[in-house]
Amino acid sequence: MPTPNLYWPVYKNLEEEFLKLAGYIHFSDDQLGTYSMFIADLIVRCSVEIEALSKELYRMLGGNMSPTDSQGKTRDLYFDTDCLDLLEKTWLLGKKQIAVSAINYYCTKTENKILTPLHKACKRGTSGSKWKQAYQAVKHDKRGSLKKASIENLLHAMGALYILNLYYRDEKLDLGRVYLNDCNFDNRLGSEIFSAHYCHATSVLPGQIMDDSCIISLPADELEKSIYIIKIDDVSFKQLYKNDCFGKKNILDRFTKSPEIESFLRAHPEYMEKNIGKICIDAGGMDLFRQIVCDGYPTPGKGVREEVILNKHSGIYPKLTSLEDAEH
């Protein structure tokens, strides 16, 4: 029986508390500095959850749960310089983007709508993220640090907790068959405040070797910002590879058995080094090209499916170098 997710319900409760503020404060660019004791309490509660969840994810990644100091003595495990640091190195969480998509959020500045809340979260002091500085300040001196208990710092802390929850949930979602056009993805993932950034890795160019290198038009910075990736599922990816292998073999068979090609190459031996497509067109025009190349390649079929995976920077597609790879 799977272990119940105890973190998401707590996060949703914090969301409800956060959204209550919208009934009293107009969430706009000039209001993000608004502060209160209520917001201070929410920042502390949210950050306590961040501490617990970051340590849980650290444990799941095999982090050292009994770190030692410079003298070799066991010390406390730190949620930021130990846990968030490992998560940053493994998943690049500091670059992961979310959008504020709450219906009662009226900010217009890009920096207030698109957030990277875990940027510098693994660092301490003034080098660390502002929400974490606010947490430490109000935790130790709520009265003296109350101005740091702002809507902006709470929003970023909530965003950090949202991202950590998504990585803890580690969901893979089936989007369905491409030809039915039912591949819809709700990137809010159950949140009433945020939407997770995602990218498409569905355009692939089949080749002799197929892996992540065959993805077309996926800039490295876009992948770094994305929490989720929409991709062709592995079964469909392997079928594309098999279709490409069988198609190339079929084209070569048609090419070598074609009387028109054989006659043309006898008359024009200088074409022996040219590619099949060029030879077909020059030997018989587009009709011969379609007969040998187009008709020899299998249609993609209606079974291609897409899915959404969490971006762990551990590879998107399996590496296929032979038909044997595609059968497993």
C-alpha atoms as a PDB file:
ATOM      1  CA  MET A   1       0.000   0.000   0.000  1.00  0.00           C
ATOM      2  CA  PRO A   2       1.509   3.383  -1.047  1.00  0.00           C
ATOM      3  CA  THR A   3       2.567   5.857   1.629  1.00  0.00           C
ATOM      4  CA  PRO A   4      -0.022   8.669   1.911  1.00  0.00           C
ATOM      5  CA  ASN A   5       1.106  12.146   0.856  1.00  0.00           C
ATOM      6  CA  LEU A   6       0.920  14.165   4.072  1.00  0.00           C
ATOM      7  CA  TYR A   7       2.438  17.301   2.557  1.00  0.00           C
ATOM      8  CA  TRP A   8      -0.040  18.277  -0.153  1.00  0.00           C
ATOM      9  CA  PRO A   9      -3.079  18.703   2.157  1.00  0.00           C
ATOM     10  CA  VAL A  10      -1.009  20.996   4.388  1.00  0.00           C
ATOM     11  CA  TYR A  11       0.042  23.027   1.348  1.00  0.00           C
ATOM     12  CA  LYS A  12      -3.591  23.332   0.220  1.00  0.00           C
ATOM     13  CA  ASN A  13      -4.563  24.599   3.677  1.00  0.00           C
ATOM     14  CA  LEU A  14      -1.867  27.267   3.395  1.00  0.00           C
ATOM     15  CA  GLU A  15      -3.229  28.193  -0.039  1.00  0.00           C
ATOM     16  CA  GLU A  16      -6.665  28.735   1.473  1.00  0.00           C
ATOM     17  CA  GLU A  17      -5.168  30.969   4.154  1.00  0.00           C
ATOM     18  CA  PHE A  18      -3.222  32.907   1.513  1.00  0.00           C
ATOM     19  CA  LEU A  19      -6.277  33.405  -0.683  1.00  0.00           C
ATOM     20  CA  LYS A  20      -8.235  34.760   2.294  1.00  0.00           C
ATOM     21  CA  LEU A  21      -5.917  37.758   2.172  1.00  0.00           C
ATOM     22  CA  ALA A  22      -7.341  38.630  -1.245  1.00  0.00           C
ATOM     23  CA  GLY A  23     -10.630  39.419   0.460  1.00  0.00           C
ATOM     24  CA  TYR A  24      -8.942  42.185   2.440  1.00  0.00           C
ATOM     25  CA  ILE A  25      -5.951  43.260   0.310  1.00  0.00           C
ATOM     26  CA  HIS A  26      -5.926  44.044  -3.412  1.00  0.00           C
ATOM     27  CA  PHE A  27      -3.066  41.946  -4.817  1.00  0.00           C
ATOM     28  CA  SER A  28      -1.320  44.433  -7.129  1.00  0.00           C
ATOM     29  CA  ASP A  29       2.273  45.473  -7.777  1.00  0.00           C
ATOM     30  CA  ASP A  30       2.140  48.360  -5.290  1.00  0.00           C
ATOM     31  CA  GLN A  31       0.628  46.208  -2.535  1.00  0.00           C
ATOM     32  CA  LEU A  32       3.193  43.395  -2.412  1.00  0.00           C
ATOM     33  CA  GLY A  33       5.084  45.163   0.380  1.00  0.00           C
ATOM     34  CA  THR A  34       2.052  45.022   2.675  1.00  0.00           C
ATOM     35  CA  TYR A  35       2.925  43.223   5.917  1.00  0.00           C
ATOM     36  CA  SER A  36       1.131  41.947   9.009  1.00  0.00           C
ATOM     37  CA  MET A  37       1.336  39.502  11.902  1.00  0.00           C
ATOM     38  CA  PHE A  38      -1.019  37.167  10.029  1.00  0.00           C
ATOM     39  CA  ILE A  39       1.353  37.105   7.044  1.00  0.00           C
ATOM     40  CA  ALA A  40       4.303  36.555   9.397  1.00  0.00           C
ATOM     41  CA  ASP A  41       2.614  33.455  10.837  1.00  0.00           C
ATOM     42  CA  LEU A  42       1.920  32.128   7.336  1.00  0.00           C
ATOM     43  CA  ILE A  43       5.570  32.630   6.317  1.00  0.00           C
ATOM     44  CA  VAL A  44       6.736  30.668   9.364  1.00  0.00           C
ATOM     45  CA  ARG A  45       4.226  27.849   8.803  1.00  0.00           C
ATOM     46  CA  CYS A  46       5.084  27.666   5.124  1.00  0.00           C
ATOM     47  CA  SER A  47       8.837  27.649   5.781  1.00  0.00           C
ATOM     48  CA  VAL A  48       8.508  24.915   8.411  1.00  0.00           C
ATOM     49  CA  GLU A  49       6.873  22.788   5.701  1.00  0.00           C
ATOM     50  CA  ILE A  50       9.709  23.652   3.322  1.00  0.00           C
ATOM     51  CA  GLU A  51      12.201  22.458   5.931  1.00  0.00           C
ATOM     52  CA  ALA A  52      10.375  19.150   6.418  1.00  0.00           C
ATOM     53  CA  LEU A  53       9.791  18.489   2.723  1.00  0.00           C
ATOM     54  CA  SER A  54      13.318  19.412   1.650  1.00  0.00           C
ATOM     55  CA  LYS A  55      14.707  16.943   4.200  1.00  0.00           C
ATOM     56  CA  GLU A  56      12.323  14.248   2.952  1.00  0.00           C
ATOM     57  CA  LEU A  57      13.390  14.797  -0.667  1.00  0.00           C
ATOM     58  CA  TYR A  58      17.048  14.856   0.437  1.00  0.00           C
ATOM     59  CA  ARG A  59      16.538  11.477   2.108  1.00  0.00           C
ATOM     60  CA  MET A  60      14.855  10.092  -1.021  1.00  0.00           C
ATOM     61  CA  LEU A  61      17.870  11.176  -3.093  1.00  0.00           C
ATOM     62  CA  GLY A  62      20.194   9.273  -0.773  1.00  0.00           C
ATOM     63  CA  GLY A  63      21.588  12.282   1.053  1.00  0.00           C
ATOM     64  CA  ASN A  64      23.731  11.807   4.153  1.00  0.00           C
ATOM     65  CA  MET A  65      21.289  11.972   7.065  1.00  0.00           C
ATOM     66  CA  SER A  66      24.115  12.109   9.640  1.00  0.00           C
ATOM     67  CA  PRO A  67      26.500  14.829   8.421  1.00  0.00           C
ATOM     68  CA  THR A  68      29.652  15.661  10.373  1.00  0.00           C
ATOM     69  CA  ASP A  69      31.487  18.888  11.116  1.00  0.00           C
ATOM     70  CA  SER A  70      35.137  19.699  10.425  1.00  0.00           C
ATOM     71  CA  GLN A  71      36.116  17.781  13.579  1.00  0.00           C
ATOM     72  CA  GLY A  72      34.265  14.688  12.441  1.00  0.00           C
ATOM     73  CA  LYS A  73      31.459  15.070  14.969  1.00  0.00           C
ATOM     74  CA  THR A  74      27.851  14.474  13.958  1.00  0.00           C
ATOM     75  CA  ARG A  75      26.018  17.771  13.456  1.00  0.00           C
ATOM     76  CA  ASP A  76      22.459  18.830  12.676  1.00  0.00           C
ATOM     77  CA  LEU A  77      21.140  18.347   9.160  1.00  0.00           C
ATOM     78  CA  TYR A  78      20.466  21.764   7.602  1.00  0.00           C
ATOM     79  CA  PHE A  79      17.467  22.105   5.300  1.00  0.00           C
ATOM     80  CA  ASP A  80      19.151  24.766   3.149  1.00  0.00           C
ATOM     81  CA  THR A  81      22.920  24.254   2.877  1.00  0.00           C
ATOM     82  CA  ASP A  82      22.558  20.456   3.017  1.00  0.00           C
ATOM     83  CA  CYS A  83      19.142  19.500   1.653  1.00  0.00           C
ATOM     84  CA  LEU A  84      18.223  22.281  -0.754  1.00  0.00           C
ATOM     85  CA  ASP A  85      21.820  22.329  -1.952  1.00  0.00           C
ATOM     86  CA  LEU A  86      21.600  18.673  -3.029  1.00  0.00           C
ATOM     87  CA  LEU A  87      18.195  19.270  -4.646  1.00  0.00           C
ATOM     88  CA  GLU A  88      19.655  22.232  -6.516  1.00  0.00           C
ATOM     89  CA  LYS A  89      22.616  20.227  -7.803  1.00  0.00           C
ATOM     90  CA  THR A  90      20.364  17.331  -8.837  1.00  0.00           C
ATOM     91  CA  TRP A  91      17.267  19.077 -10.234  1.00  0.00           C
ATOM     92  CA  LEU A  92      18.365  22.721 -10.800  1.00  0.00           C
ATOM     93  CA  LEU A  93      15.441  23.900  -8.680  1.00  0.00           C
ATOM     94  CA  GLY A  94      16.799  27.441  -8.513  1.00  0.00           C
ATOM     95  CA  LYS A  95      15.986  27.872 -12.215  1.00  0.00           C
ATOM     96  CA  LYS A  96      12.511  26.343 -12.125  1.00  0.00           C
ATOM     97  CA  GLN A  97       9.768  28.815 -13.009  1.00  0.00           C
ATOM     98  CA  ILE A  98       6.166  29.121 -11.933  1.00  0.00           C
ATOM     99  CA  ALA A  99       3.506  31.646 -12.923  1.00  0.00           C
ATOM    100  CA  VAL A 100       1.065  33.264 -10.497  1.00  0.00           C
ATOM    101  CA  SER A 101      -2.289  32.383 -12.064  1.00  0.00           C
ATOM    102  CA  ALA A 102      -4.737  33.134  -9.234  1.00  0.00           C
ATOM    103  CA  ILE A 103      -7.850  34.879 -10.555  1.00  0.00           C
ATOM    104  CA  ASN A 104      -7.650  37.595  -7.889  1.00  0.00           C
ATOM    105  CA  TYR A 105      -3.970  38.426  -8.489  1.00  0.00           C
ATOM    106  CA  TYR A 106      -3.670  41.691 -10.403  1.00  0.00           C
ATOM    107  CA  CYS A 107       0.073  42.304 -10.670  1.00  0.00           C
ATOM    108  CA  THR A 108       1.253  43.311 -14.150  1.00  0.00           C
ATOM    109  CA  LYS A 109       5.055  43.393 -13.788  1.00  0.00           C
ATOM    110  CA  THR A 110       6.716  40.287 -15.191  1.00  0.00           C
ATOM    111  CA  GLU A 111       8.917  39.860 -12.112  1.00  0.00           C
ATOM    112  CA  ASN A 112       5.780  39.684  -9.990  1.00  0.00           C
ATOM    113  CA  LYS A 113       4.009  37.189 -12.260  1.00  0.00           C
ATOM    114  CA  ILE A 114       6.830  34.811 -13.209  1.00  0.00           C
ATOM    115  CA  LEU A 115       8.755  33.533 -10.197  1.00  0.00           C
ATOM    116  CA  THR A 116      11.845  31.427  -9.493  1.00  0.00           C
ATOM    117  CA  PRO A 117      11.257  31.066  -5.735  1.00  0.00           C
ATOM    118  CA  LEU A 118      14.023  28.542  -5.066  1.00  0.00           C
ATOM    119  CA  HIS A 119      16.737  30.746  -6.580  1.00  0.00           C
ATOM    120  CA  LYS A 120      19.541  30.981  -3.977  1.00  0.00           C
ATOM    121  CA  ALA A 121      17.357  29.150  -1.444  1.00  0.00           C
ATOM    122  CA  CYS A 122      20.274  26.858  -0.595  1.00  0.00           C
ATOM    123  CA  LYS A 123      22.424  29.818   0.479  1.00  0.00           C
ATOM    124  CA  ARG A 124      22.414  31.565   3.832  1.00  0.00           C
ATOM    125  CA  GLY A 125      22.388  35.143   5.087  1.00  0.00           C
ATOM    126  CA  THR A 126      22.058  38.002   2.628  1.00  0.00           C
ATOM    127  CA  SER A 127      23.189  35.710  -0.182  1.00  0.00           C
ATOM    128  CA  GLY A 128      20.059  33.597   0.218  1.00  0.00           C
ATOM    129  CA  SER A 129      16.543  34.117  -1.112  1.00  0.00           C
ATOM    130  CA  LYS A 130      14.529  36.986   0.403  1.00  0.00           C
ATOM    131  CA  TRP A 131      11.683  34.776   1.623  1.00  0.00           C
ATOM    132  CA  LYS A 132      14.184  32.684   3.597  1.00  0.00           C
ATOM    133  CA  GLN A 133      15.734  35.811   5.100  1.00  0.00           C
ATOM    134  CA  ALA A 134      12.230  36.913   6.094  1.00  0.00           C
ATOM    135  CA  TYR A 135      11.532  33.522   7.674  1.00  0.00           C
ATOM    136  CA  GLN A 136      14.672  33.607   9.801  1.00  0.00           C
ATOM    137  CA  ALA A 137      14.031  37.223  10.805  1.00  0.00           C
ATOM    138  CA  VAL A 138      10.385  36.879  11.894  1.00  0.00           C
ATOM    139  CA  LYS A 139      11.073  33.526  13.563  1.00  0.00           C
ATOM    140  CA  HIS A 140      13.645  35.100  15.891  1.00  0.00           C
ATOM    141  CA  ASP A 141      12.257  38.652  16.192  1.00  0.00           C
ATOM    142  CA  LYS A 142       8.703  38.967  14.895  1.00  0.00           C
ATOM    143  CA  ARG A 143       8.094  42.460  16.251  1.00  0.00           C
ATOM    144  CA  GLY A 144      11.391  43.918  15.067  1.00  0.00           C
ATOM    145  CA  SER A 145      11.268  42.236  11.657  1.00  0.00           C
ATOM    146  CA  LEU A 146       7.576  42.591  10.913  1.00  0.00           C
ATOM    147  CA  LYS A 147       8.143  44.626   7.731  1.00  0.00           C
ATOM    148  CA  LYS A 148       9.789  41.555   6.192  1.00  0.00           C
ATOM    149  CA  ALA A 149       6.535  39.645   6.671  1.00  0.00           C
ATOM    150  CA  SER A 150       5.243  40.928   3.329  1.00  0.00           C
ATOM    151  CA  ILE A 151       2.875  39.507   0.755  1.00  0.00           C
ATOM    152  CA  GLU A 152       5.798  39.272  -1.677  1.00  0.00           C
ATOM    153  CA  ASN A 153       7.914  37.147   0.664  1.00  0.00           C
ATOM    154  CA  LEU A 154       4.938  34.949   1.506  1.00  0.00           C
ATOM    155  CA  LEU A 155       4.161  34.500  -2.200  1.00  0.00           C
ATOM    156  CA  HIS A 156       7.710  33.340  -2.912  1.00  0.00           C
ATOM    157  CA  ALA A 157       7.733  31.004   0.098  1.00  0.00           C
ATOM    158  CA  MET A 158       4.425  29.520  -1.080  1.00  0.00           C
ATOM    159  CA  GLY A 159       5.919  29.096  -4.562  1.00  0.00           C
ATOM    160  CA  ALA A 160       8.954  27.300  -3.163  1.00  0.00           C
ATOM    161  CA  LEU A 161       6.719  24.925  -1.218  1.00  0.00           C
ATOM    162  CA  TYR A 162       4.561  24.353  -4.317  1.00  0.00           C
ATOM    163  CA  ILE A 163       7.594  23.291  -6.388  1.00  0.00           C
ATOM    164  CA  LEU A 164       8.896  20.981  -3.665  1.00  0.00           C
ATOM    165  CA  ASN A 165       5.459  19.380  -3.436  1.00  0.00           C
ATOM    166  CA  LEU A 166       5.417  18.736  -7.183  1.00  0.00           C
ATOM    167  CA  TYR A 167       8.792  17.001  -6.978  1.00  0.00           C
ATOM    168  CA  TYR A 168       7.622  14.962  -4.005  1.00  0.00           C
ATOM    169  CA  ARG A 169       4.461  13.890  -5.851  1.00  0.00           C
ATOM    170  CA  ASP A 170       6.601  12.831  -8.841  1.00  0.00           C
ATOM    171  CA  GLU A 171       3.616  12.302 -11.130  1.00  0.00           C
ATOM    172  CA  LYS A 172       3.596  10.941 -14.678  1.00  0.00           C
ATOM    173  CA  LEU A 173       0.422  11.832 -16.592  1.00  0.00           C
ATOM    174  CA  ASP A 174      -0.894  10.130 -19.721  1.00  0.00           C
ATOM    175  CA  LEU A 175      -2.208  12.748 -22.175  1.00  0.00           C
ATOM    176  CA  GLY A 176      -3.707  10.303 -24.655  1.00  0.00           C
ATOM    177  CA  ARG A 177      -3.386   9.709 -28.383  1.00  0.00           C
ATOM    178  CA  VAL A 178      -2.069  12.544 -30.530  1.00  0.00           C
ATOM    179  CA  TYR A 179      -4.403  12.003 -33.482  1.00  0.00           C
ATOM    180  CA  LEU A 180      -7.453  12.456 -31.222  1.00  0.00           C
ATOM    181  CA  ASN A 181      -6.080  15.843 -30.137  1.00  0.00           C
ATOM    182  CA  ASP A 182      -6.969  15.113 -26.530  1.00  0.00           C
ATOM    183  CA  CYS A 183      -3.536  15.982 -25.168  1.00  0.00           C
ATOM    184  CA  ASN A 184      -4.545  18.652 -22.661  1.00  0.00           C
ATOM    185  CA  PHE A 185      -2.353  19.408 -19.668  1.00  0.00           C
ATOM    186  CA  ASP A 186      -3.532  21.489 -16.708  1.00  0.00           C
ATOM    187  CA  ASN A 187      -0.225  22.832 -15.455  1.00  0.00           C
ATOM    188  CA  ARG A 188      -1.745  24.162 -12.232  1.00  0.00           C
ATOM    189  CA  LEU A 189      -1.602  20.588 -10.906  1.00  0.00           C
ATOM    190  CA  GLY A 190      -4.305  21.278  -8.337  1.00  0.00           C
ATOM    191  CA  SER A 191      -3.082  24.700  -7.194  1.00  0.00           C
ATOM    192  CA  GLU A 192      -5.370  27.729  -7.014  1.00  0.00           C
ATOM    193  CA  ILE A 193      -2.398  30.102  -7.057  1.00  0.00           C
ATOM    194  CA  PHE A 194       0.374  28.810  -9.319  1.00  0.00           C
ATOM    195  CA  SER A 195       1.010  27.170 -12.671  1.00  0.00           C
ATOM    196  CA  ALA A 196       4.153  25.159 -13.346  1.00  0.00           C
ATOM    197  CA  HIS A 197       6.359  25.983 -16.318  1.00  0.00           C
ATOM    198  CA  TYR A 198       6.675  23.158 -18.837  1.00  0.00           C
ATOM    199  CA  CYS A 199       8.208  22.494 -22.239  1.00  0.00           C
ATOM    200  CA  HIS A 200       7.499  20.288 -25.257  1.00  0.00           C
ATOM    201  CA  ALA A 201       9.898  17.543 -26.339  1.00  0.00           C
ATOM    202  CA  THR A 202       7.455  15.950 -28.779  1.00  0.00           C
ATOM    203  CA  SER A 203       9.173  16.967 -32.033  1.00  0.00           C
ATOM    204  CA  VAL A 204      11.745  14.277 -32.725  1.00  0.00           C
ATOM    205  CA  LEU A 205      13.811  13.448 -35.799  1.00  0.00           C
ATOM    206  CA  PRO A 206      14.216   9.672 -36.267  1.00  0.00           C
ATOM    207  CA  GLY A 207      17.717   8.454 -37.003  1.00  0.00           C
ATOM    208  CA  GLN A 208      20.102   5.516 -36.755  1.00  0.00           C
ATOM    209  CA  ILE A 209      20.486   6.293 -33.057  1.00  0.00           C
ATOM    210  CA  MET A 210      17.567   7.794 -31.152  1.00  0.00           C
ATOM    211  CA  ASP A 211      17.795   9.460 -27.750  1.00  0.00           C
ATOM    212  CA  ASP A 212      17.436  12.991 -26.375  1.00  0.00           C
ATOM    213  CA  SER A 213      19.724  14.277 -29.145  1.00  0.00           C
ATOM    214  CA  CYS A 214      16.939  13.712 -31.696  1.00  0.00           C
ATOM    215  CA  ILE A 215      14.634  16.278 -30.013  1.00  0.00           C
ATOM    216  CA  ILE A 216      14.015  19.276 -32.278  1.00  0.00           C
ATOM    217  CA  SER A 217      13.762  22.851 -30.984  1.00  0.00           C
ATOM    218  CA  LEU A 218      14.242  22.430 -27.242  1.00  0.00           C
ATOM    219  CA  PRO A 219      16.630  25.171 -26.032  1.00  0.00           C
ATOM    220  CA  ALA A 220      18.715  24.265 -22.986  1.00  0.00           C
ATOM    221  CA  ASP A 221      17.464  27.282 -21.007  1.00  0.00           C
ATOM    222  CA  GLU A 222      13.840  26.313 -21.676  1.00  0.00           C
ATOM    223  CA  LEU A 223      14.510  22.831 -20.310  1.00  0.00           C
ATOM    224  CA  GLU A 224      16.180  24.313 -17.230  1.00  0.00           C
ATOM    225  CA  LYS A 225      13.138  26.505 -16.476  1.00  0.00           C
ATOM    226  CA  SER A 226      10.639  23.669 -16.904  1.00  0.00           C
ATOM    227  CA  ILE A 227       9.218  21.644 -14.046  1.00  0.00           C
ATOM    228  CA  TYR A 228       7.416  19.290 -16.421  1.00  0.00           C
ATOM    229  CA  ILE A 229       8.132  17.926 -19.889  1.00  0.00           C
ATOM    230  CA  ILE A 230       5.537  16.877 -22.440  1.00  0.00           C
ATOM    231  CA  LYS A 231       6.962  14.008 -24.487  1.00  0.00           C
ATOM    232  CA  ILE A 232       6.030  11.054 -26.657  1.00  0.00           C
ATOM    233  CA  ASP A 233       5.644   8.053 -24.378  1.00  0.00           C
ATOM    234  CA  ASP A 234       8.409   5.452 -24.511  1.00  0.00           C
ATOM    235  CA  VAL A 235       6.272   2.836 -26.298  1.00  0.00           C
ATOM    236  CA  SER A 236       5.452   5.298 -29.090  1.00  0.00           C
ATOM    237  CA  PHE A 237       9.068   6.489 -29.217  1.00  0.00           C
ATOM    238  CA  LYS A 238      10.279   2.934 -29.754  1.00  0.00           C
ATOM    239  CA  GLN A 239       7.629   2.398 -32.425  1.00  0.00           C
ATOM    240  CA  LEU A 240       8.852   5.494 -34.272  1.00  0.00           C
ATOM    241  CA  TYR A 241      12.344   4.047 -34.196  1.00  0.00           C
ATOM    242  CA  LYS A 242      11.129   0.686 -35.534  1.00  0.00           C
ATOM    243  CA  ASN A 243       9.115   2.402 -38.260  1.00  0.00           C
ATOM    244  CA  ASP A 244      12.209   4.355 -39.282  1.00  0.00           C
ATOM    245  CA  CYS A 245      14.358   1.214 -39.401  1.00  0.00           C
ATOM    246  CA  PHE A 246      11.786  -0.760 -41.401  1.00  0.00           C
ATOM    247  CA  GLY A 247      11.086   2.222 -43.638  1.00  0.00           C
ATOM    248  CA  LYS A 248      14.744   2.726 -44.564  1.00  0.00           C
ATOM    249  CA  LYS A 249      15.138  -0.988 -45.267  1.00  0.00           C
ATOM    250  CA  ASN A 250      11.999  -0.981 -47.430  1.00  0.00           C
ATOM    251  CA  ILE A 251      13.156   2.103 -49.337  1.00  0.00           C
ATOM    252  CA  LEU A 252      16.556   0.530 -49.975  1.00  0.00           C
ATOM    253  CA  ASP A 253      14.891  -2.675 -51.218  1.00  0.00           C
ATOM    254  CA  ARG A 254      12.637  -0.729 -53.600  1.00  0.00           C
ATOM    255  CA  PHE A 255      15.590   1.342 -54.761  1.00  0.00           C
ATOM    256  CA  THR A 256      17.889  -1.603 -55.519  1.00  0.00           C
ATOM    257  CA  LYS A 257      15.122  -3.570 -57.269  1.00  0.00           C
ATOM    258  CA  SER A 258      13.878  -0.693 -59.433  1.00  0.00           C
ATOM    259  CA  PRO A 259      14.524  -1.207 -63.186  1.00  0.00           C
ATOM    260  CA  GLU A 260      14.426   2.555 -63.732  1.00  0.00           C
ATOM    261  CA  ILE A 261      17.118   3.151 -61.126  1.00  0.00           C
ATOM    262  CA  GLU A 262      19.284   0.305 -62.412  1.00  0.00           C
ATOM    263  CA  SER A 263      19.090   1.655 -65.980  1.00  0.00           C
ATOM    264  CA  PHE A 264      19.744   5.233 -64.850  1.00  0.00           C
ATOM    265  CA  LEU A 265      22.839   4.323 -62.822  1.00  0.00           C
ATOM    266  CA  ARG A 266      24.308   2.325 -65.716  1.00  0.00           C
ATOM    267  CA  ALA A 267      23.974   5.401 -67.886  1.00  0.00           C
ATOM    268  CA  HIS A 268      25.113   7.808 -65.147  1.00  0.00           C
ATOM    269  CA  PRO A 269      27.727   6.115 -62.934  1.00  0.00           C
ATOM    270  CA  GLU A 270      28.666   9.517 -61.501  1.00  0.00           C
ATOM    271  CA  TYR A 271      25.408   9.329 -59.475  1.00  0.00           C
ATOM    272  CA  MET A 272      26.561   6.291 -57.483  1.00  0.00           C
ATOM    273  CA  GLU A 273      27.681   8.488 -54.571  1.00  0.00           C
ATOM    274  CA  LYS A 274      24.554  10.653 -54.457  1.00  0.00           C
ATOM    275  CA  ASN A 275      21.685  10.111 -52.038  1.00  0.00           C
ATOM    276  CA  ILE A 276      18.644   8.021 -52.869  1.00  0.00           C
ATOM    277  CA  GLY A 277      16.250  10.962 -53.060  1.00  0.00           C
ATOM    278  CA  LYS A 278      18.398  12.871 -55.566  1.00  0.00           C
ATOM    279  CA  ILE A 279      18.833   9.791 -57.747  1.00  0.00           C
ATOM    280  CA  CYS A 280      15.100   9.022 -57.753  1.00  0.00           C
ATOM    281  CA  ILE A 281      14.131  12.556 -58.783  1.00  0.00           C
ATOM    282  CA  ASP A 282      16.729  12.810 -61.538  1.00  0.00           C
ATOM    283  CA  ALA A 283      15.954   9.292 -62.778  1.00  0.00           C
ATOM    284  CA  GLY A 284      12.158   9.545 -62.886  1.00  0.00           C
ATOM    285  CA  GLY A 285      10.945  12.772 -61.326  1.00  0.00           C
ATOM    286  CA  MET A 286       8.564  13.084 -58.395  1.00  0.00           C
ATOM    287  CA  ASP A 287       6.513  10.065 -59.488  1.00  0.00           C
ATOM    288  CA  LEU A 288       9.492   7.732 -59.044  1.00  0.00           C
ATOM    289  CA  PHE A 289      10.479   9.513 -55.804  1.00  0.00           C
ATOM    290  CA  ARG A 290       7.005   8.956 -54.354  1.00  0.00           C
ATOM    291  CA  GLN A 291       6.948   5.331 -55.538  1.00  0.00           C
ATOM    292  CA  ILE A 292      10.278   4.451 -53.908  1.00  0.00           C
ATOM    293  CA  VAL A 293      10.707   6.860 -50.993  1.00  0.00           C
ATOM    294  CA  CYS A 294       7.271   8.099 -49.925  1.00  0.00           C
ATOM    295  CA  ASP A 295       5.368   4.854 -50.474  1.00  0.00           C
ATOM    296  CA  GLY A 296       8.160   2.849 -48.890  1.00  0.00           C
ATOM    297  CA  TYR A 297       7.956   4.608 -45.546  1.00  0.00           C
ATOM    298  CA  PRO A 298       5.295   3.402 -43.091  1.00  0.00           C
ATOM    299  CA  THR A 299       2.696   5.870 -41.837  1.00  0.00           C
ATOM    300  CA  PRO A 300       3.068   6.916 -38.175  1.00  0.00           C
ATOM    301  CA  GLY A 301      -0.236   5.297 -37.255  1.00  0.00           C
ATOM    302  CA  LYS A 302      -2.842   6.381 -34.741  1.00  0.00           C
ATOM    303  CA  GLY A 303      -1.284   4.868 -31.641  1.00  0.00           C
ATOM    304  CA  VAL A 304       1.232   7.620 -30.825  1.00  0.00           C
ATOM    305  CA  ARG A 305       0.612   8.839 -27.283  1.00  0.00           C
ATOM    306  CA  GLU A 306       1.961  11.733 -25.281  1.00  0.00           C
ATOM    307  CA  GLU A 307       2.696  11.960 -21.573  1.00  0.00           C
ATOM    308  CA  VAL A 308       3.910  14.463 -18.999  1.00  0.00           C
ATOM    309  CA  ILE A 309       6.908  13.680 -16.807  1.00  0.00           C
ATOM    310  CA  LEU A 310       8.602  15.557 -14.002  1.00  0.00           C
ATOM    311  CA  ASN A 311      11.821  17.215 -15.143  1.00  0.00           C
ATOM    312  CA  LYS A 312      14.565  15.577 -13.086  1.00  0.00           C
ATOM    313  CA  HIS A 313      17.327  16.245 -15.620  1.00  0.00           C
ATOM    314  CA  SER A 314      17.945  12.513 -15.848  1.00  0.00           C
ATOM    315  CA  GLY A 315      17.044  12.013 -19.513  1.00  0.00           C
ATOM    316  CA  ILE A 316      13.796  12.235 -21.432  1.00  0.00           C
ATOM    317  CA  TYR A 317      13.935   9.343 -23.898  1.00  0.00           C
ATOM    318  CA  PRO A 318      15.621   5.933 -23.821  1.00  0.00           C
ATOM    319  CA  LYS A 319      18.678   5.440 -26.034  1.00  0.00           C
ATOM    320  CA  LEU A 320      17.930   3.212 -29.027  1.00  0.00           C
ATOM    321  CA  THR A 321      20.750   1.932 -31.228  1.00  0.00           C
ATOM    322  CA  SER A 322      19.167  -1.237 -32.646  1.00  0.00           C
ATOM    323  CA  LEU A 323      15.830  -2.940 -33.130  1.00  0.00           C
ATOM    324  CA  GLU A 324      16.703  -5.093 -30.122  1.00  0.00           C
ATOM    325  CA  ASP A 325      16.670  -1.943 -27.924  1.00  0.00           C
ATOM    326  CA  ALA A 326      13.245  -1.026 -29.265  1.00  0.00           C
ATOM    327  CA  GLU A 327      11.788  -4.419 -28.385  1.00  0.00           C
ATOM    328  CA  HIS A 328      12.430  -4.023 -24.649  1.00  0.00           C
END
